[in-house]
């Protein structure tokens, strides 16, 4: 479902960088967003994604206006390319969401630079 989801149908897509305990349920994941990041969870069709240590499983928390939907995805071969260097909450573009669902990194390897002067 997540792989085929239209990222344009979400009001926002956020990932919690670093590691999240995959034993957590709806209430614990919601508390992370509210307490650690001081973010409003009650925006319809806003998706929050969490990843554990193995990076083969992710959970998604989605407020649908009348309740939460908890999504769980486990891939059988490979891993998600998840940002581990910080504990930030990052906003994803639809393109980055597609990259993540295909197993690619959400951060481009080649960075755009603005030279100050020529050689």
C-alpha atoms as a PDB file:
ATOM      1  CA  UNK A   1       0.000   0.000   0.000  1.00  0.00           C
ATOM      2  CA  UNK A   2       2.671   2.543   0.952  1.00  0.00           C
ATOM      3  CA  UNK A   3       4.716   1.760  -2.145  1.00  0.00           C
ATOM      4  CA  UNK A   4       1.719   2.452  -4.382  1.00  0.00           C
ATOM      5  CA  UNK A   5       0.368   5.409  -2.394  1.00  0.00           C
ATOM      6  CA  UNK A   6       0.070   8.707  -4.215  1.00  0.00           C
ATOM      7  CA  UNK A   7       2.282  11.039  -2.170  1.00  0.00           C
ATOM      8  CA  UNK A   8       0.313  13.998  -3.529  1.00  0.00           C
ATOM      9  CA  UNK A   9      -2.751  12.800  -1.602  1.00  0.00           C
ATOM     10  CA  UNK A  10      -1.011  13.410   1.740  1.00  0.00           C
ATOM     11  CA  UNK A  11      -1.205  16.868   3.334  1.00  0.00           C
ATOM     12  CA  UNK A  12       2.335  16.290   4.599  1.00  0.00           C
ATOM     13  CA  UNK A  13       4.848  13.471   4.919  1.00  0.00           C
ATOM     14  CA  UNK A  14       7.343  13.461   7.788  1.00  0.00           C
ATOM     15  CA  UNK A  15       9.982  11.000   8.878  1.00  0.00           C
ATOM     16  CA  UNK A  16      11.398  10.661  12.349  1.00  0.00           C
ATOM     17  CA  UNK A  17      15.137  10.295  11.784  1.00  0.00           C
ATOM     18  CA  UNK A  18      17.195   7.953  13.917  1.00  0.00           C
ATOM     19  CA  UNK A  19      15.775   4.844  15.558  1.00  0.00           C
ATOM     20  CA  UNK A  20      12.278   4.188  16.915  1.00  0.00           C
ATOM     21  CA  UNK A  21      11.253   1.174  18.975  1.00  0.00           C
ATOM     22  CA  UNK A  22       9.008  -0.823  16.631  1.00  0.00           C
ATOM     23  CA  UNK A  23       7.095  -2.244  19.595  1.00  0.00           C
ATOM     24  CA  UNK A  24       5.438   1.164  20.013  1.00  0.00           C
ATOM     25  CA  UNK A  25       1.793   1.474  19.081  1.00  0.00           C
ATOM     26  CA  UNK A  26      -0.394   4.397  18.102  1.00  0.00           C
ATOM     27  CA  UNK A  27      -0.339   6.176  21.467  1.00  0.00           C
ATOM     28  CA  UNK A  28       3.438   5.965  21.936  1.00  0.00           C
ATOM     29  CA  UNK A  29       4.188   7.077  18.373  1.00  0.00           C
ATOM     30  CA  UNK A  30       1.727   9.964  18.700  1.00  0.00           C
ATOM     31  CA  UNK A  31       3.387  10.987  21.968  1.00  0.00           C
ATOM     32  CA  UNK A  32       6.783  11.143  20.233  1.00  0.00           C
ATOM     33  CA  UNK A  33       5.413  13.583  17.673  1.00  0.00           C
ATOM     34  CA  UNK A  34       3.544  15.721  20.196  1.00  0.00           C
ATOM     35  CA  UNK A  35       6.081  15.812  23.026  1.00  0.00           C
ATOM     36  CA  UNK A  36       9.463  15.666  21.299  1.00  0.00           C
ATOM     37  CA  UNK A  37       8.644  17.673  18.180  1.00  0.00           C
ATOM     38  CA  UNK A  38       5.729  19.824  19.444  1.00  0.00           C
ATOM     39  CA  UNK A  39       3.813  19.131  16.247  1.00  0.00           C
ATOM     40  CA  UNK A  40       0.047  19.012  15.726  1.00  0.00           C
ATOM     41  CA  UNK A  41      -0.991  15.463  14.877  1.00  0.00           C
ATOM     42  CA  UNK A  42      -4.567  16.278  14.001  1.00  0.00           C
ATOM     43  CA  UNK A  43      -4.065  17.484  10.438  1.00  0.00           C
ATOM     44  CA  UNK A  44      -6.011  15.080   8.200  1.00  0.00           C
ATOM     45  CA  UNK A  45      -3.946  12.920   5.836  1.00  0.00           C
ATOM     46  CA  UNK A  46      -0.598  13.796   7.401  1.00  0.00           C
ATOM     47  CA  UNK A  47       1.730  10.788   7.425  1.00  0.00           C
ATOM     48  CA  UNK A  48       4.469  10.287  10.026  1.00  0.00           C
ATOM     49  CA  UNK A  49       6.993   7.510   9.342  1.00  0.00           C
ATOM     50  CA  UNK A  50       9.174   5.693  11.889  1.00  0.00           C
ATOM     51  CA  UNK A  51      11.947   3.118  11.433  1.00  0.00           C
ATOM     52  CA  UNK A  52      13.595   0.631  13.796  1.00  0.00           C
ATOM     53  CA  UNK A  53      17.195  -0.585  14.081  1.00  0.00           C
ATOM     54  CA  UNK A  54      16.982  -3.235  11.378  1.00  0.00           C
ATOM     55  CA  UNK A  55      15.714  -0.749   8.735  1.00  0.00           C
ATOM     56  CA  UNK A  56      13.645  -3.535   7.203  1.00  0.00           C
ATOM     57  CA  UNK A  57      10.477  -2.360   8.972  1.00  0.00           C
ATOM     58  CA  UNK A  58       8.721   0.978   9.081  1.00  0.00           C
ATOM     59  CA  UNK A  59       5.554   2.176  10.753  1.00  0.00           C
ATOM     60  CA  UNK A  60       3.348   4.973   9.568  1.00  0.00           C
ATOM     61  CA  UNK A  61       0.910   6.991  11.638  1.00  0.00           C
ATOM     62  CA  UNK A  62      -1.846   8.728   9.707  1.00  0.00           C
ATOM     63  CA  UNK A  63      -4.641  10.891  11.131  1.00  0.00           C
ATOM     64  CA  UNK A  64      -7.745  10.453   8.942  1.00  0.00           C
ATOM     65  CA  UNK A  65      -9.950  13.037  10.622  1.00  0.00           C
ATOM     66  CA  UNK A  66     -11.908  10.512  12.683  1.00  0.00           C
ATOM     67  CA  UNK A  67      -9.069   8.376  14.028  1.00  0.00           C
ATOM     68  CA  UNK A  68      -5.564   7.076  13.457  1.00  0.00           C
ATOM     69  CA  UNK A  69      -4.455   4.554  10.899  1.00  0.00           C
ATOM     70  CA  UNK A  70      -1.330   2.590  11.861  1.00  0.00           C
ATOM     71  CA  UNK A  71       0.588   1.275   8.871  1.00  0.00           C
ATOM     72  CA  UNK A  72       3.311  -1.355   9.138  1.00  0.00           C
ATOM     73  CA  UNK A  73       5.603  -2.397   6.312  1.00  0.00           C
ATOM     74  CA  UNK A  74       8.240  -5.106   6.463  1.00  0.00           C
ATOM     75  CA  UNK A  75      10.369  -5.789   3.427  1.00  0.00           C
ATOM     76  CA  UNK A  76      11.719  -9.290   2.979  1.00  0.00           C
ATOM     77  CA  UNK A  77      14.975  -8.445   1.249  1.00  0.00           C
ATOM     78  CA  UNK A  78      16.992  -5.265   1.616  1.00  0.00           C
ATOM     79  CA  UNK A  79      16.640  -2.236   3.846  1.00  0.00           C
ATOM     80  CA  UNK A  80      15.169   1.225   3.819  1.00  0.00           C
ATOM     81  CA  UNK A  81      17.723   3.993   3.448  1.00  0.00           C
ATOM     82  CA  UNK A  82      16.847   5.880   6.617  1.00  0.00           C
ATOM     83  CA  UNK A  83      18.637   8.992   7.942  1.00  0.00           C
ATOM     84  CA  UNK A  84      20.295   7.907  11.205  1.00  0.00           C
ATOM     85  CA  UNK A  85      22.619  10.807  11.985  1.00  0.00           C
ATOM     86  CA  UNK A  86      20.081  12.975  13.758  1.00  0.00           C
ATOM     87  CA  UNK A  87      16.882  12.778  15.752  1.00  0.00           C
ATOM     88  CA  UNK A  88      15.104  15.401  13.668  1.00  0.00           C
ATOM     89  CA  UNK A  89      11.645  15.360  12.187  1.00  0.00           C
ATOM     90  CA  UNK A  90      12.050  15.880   8.446  1.00  0.00           C
ATOM     91  CA  UNK A  91       9.472  16.953   5.901  1.00  0.00           C
ATOM     92  CA  UNK A  92       9.566  14.859   2.717  1.00  0.00           C
ATOM     93  CA  UNK A  93       8.712  15.948  -0.784  1.00  0.00           C
ATOM     94  CA  UNK A  94       6.573  13.572  -2.877  1.00  0.00           C
ATOM     95  CA  UNK A  95       9.705  12.701  -4.852  1.00  0.00           C
ATOM     96  CA  UNK A  96      11.660  11.838  -1.699  1.00  0.00           C
ATOM     97  CA  UNK A  97       8.763   9.659  -0.507  1.00  0.00           C
ATOM     98  CA  UNK A  98       8.875   7.706  -3.778  1.00  0.00           C
ATOM     99  CA  UNK A  99      12.646   7.307  -3.439  1.00  0.00           C
ATOM    100  CA  UNK A 100      12.266   6.003   0.118  1.00  0.00           C
ATOM    101  CA  UNK A 101       9.609   3.469  -0.917  1.00  0.00           C
ATOM    102  CA  UNK A 102      11.883   2.234  -3.726  1.00  0.00           C
ATOM    103  CA  UNK A 103      14.811   1.774  -1.340  1.00  0.00           C
ATOM    104  CA  UNK A 104      16.825   4.809  -2.394  1.00  0.00           C
ATOM    105  CA  UNK A 105      18.310   7.480  -0.165  1.00  0.00           C
ATOM    106  CA  UNK A 106      16.171  10.569   0.345  1.00  0.00           C
ATOM    107  CA  UNK A 107      19.286  12.732   0.364  1.00  0.00           C
ATOM    108  CA  UNK A 108      20.935  13.305  -3.009  1.00  0.00           C
ATOM    109  CA  UNK A 109      24.547  12.197  -3.143  1.00  0.00           C
ATOM    110  CA  UNK A 110      25.603  14.995  -5.484  1.00  0.00           C
ATOM    111  CA  UNK A 111      25.136  18.341  -3.786  1.00  0.00           C
ATOM    112  CA  UNK A 112      24.505  21.614  -5.596  1.00  0.00           C
ATOM    113  CA  UNK A 113      27.143  24.227  -4.806  1.00  0.00           C
ATOM    114  CA  UNK A 114      27.439  27.913  -5.531  1.00  0.00           C
ATOM    115  CA  UNK A 115      31.093  28.779  -6.184  1.00  0.00           C
ATOM    116  CA  UNK A 116      32.290  32.145  -4.920  1.00  0.00           C
ATOM    117  CA  UNK A 117      34.884  32.543  -7.645  1.00  0.00           C
ATOM    118  CA  UNK A 118      36.193  30.622 -10.634  1.00  0.00           C
ATOM    119  CA  UNK A 119      39.532  28.857 -10.661  1.00  0.00           C
END
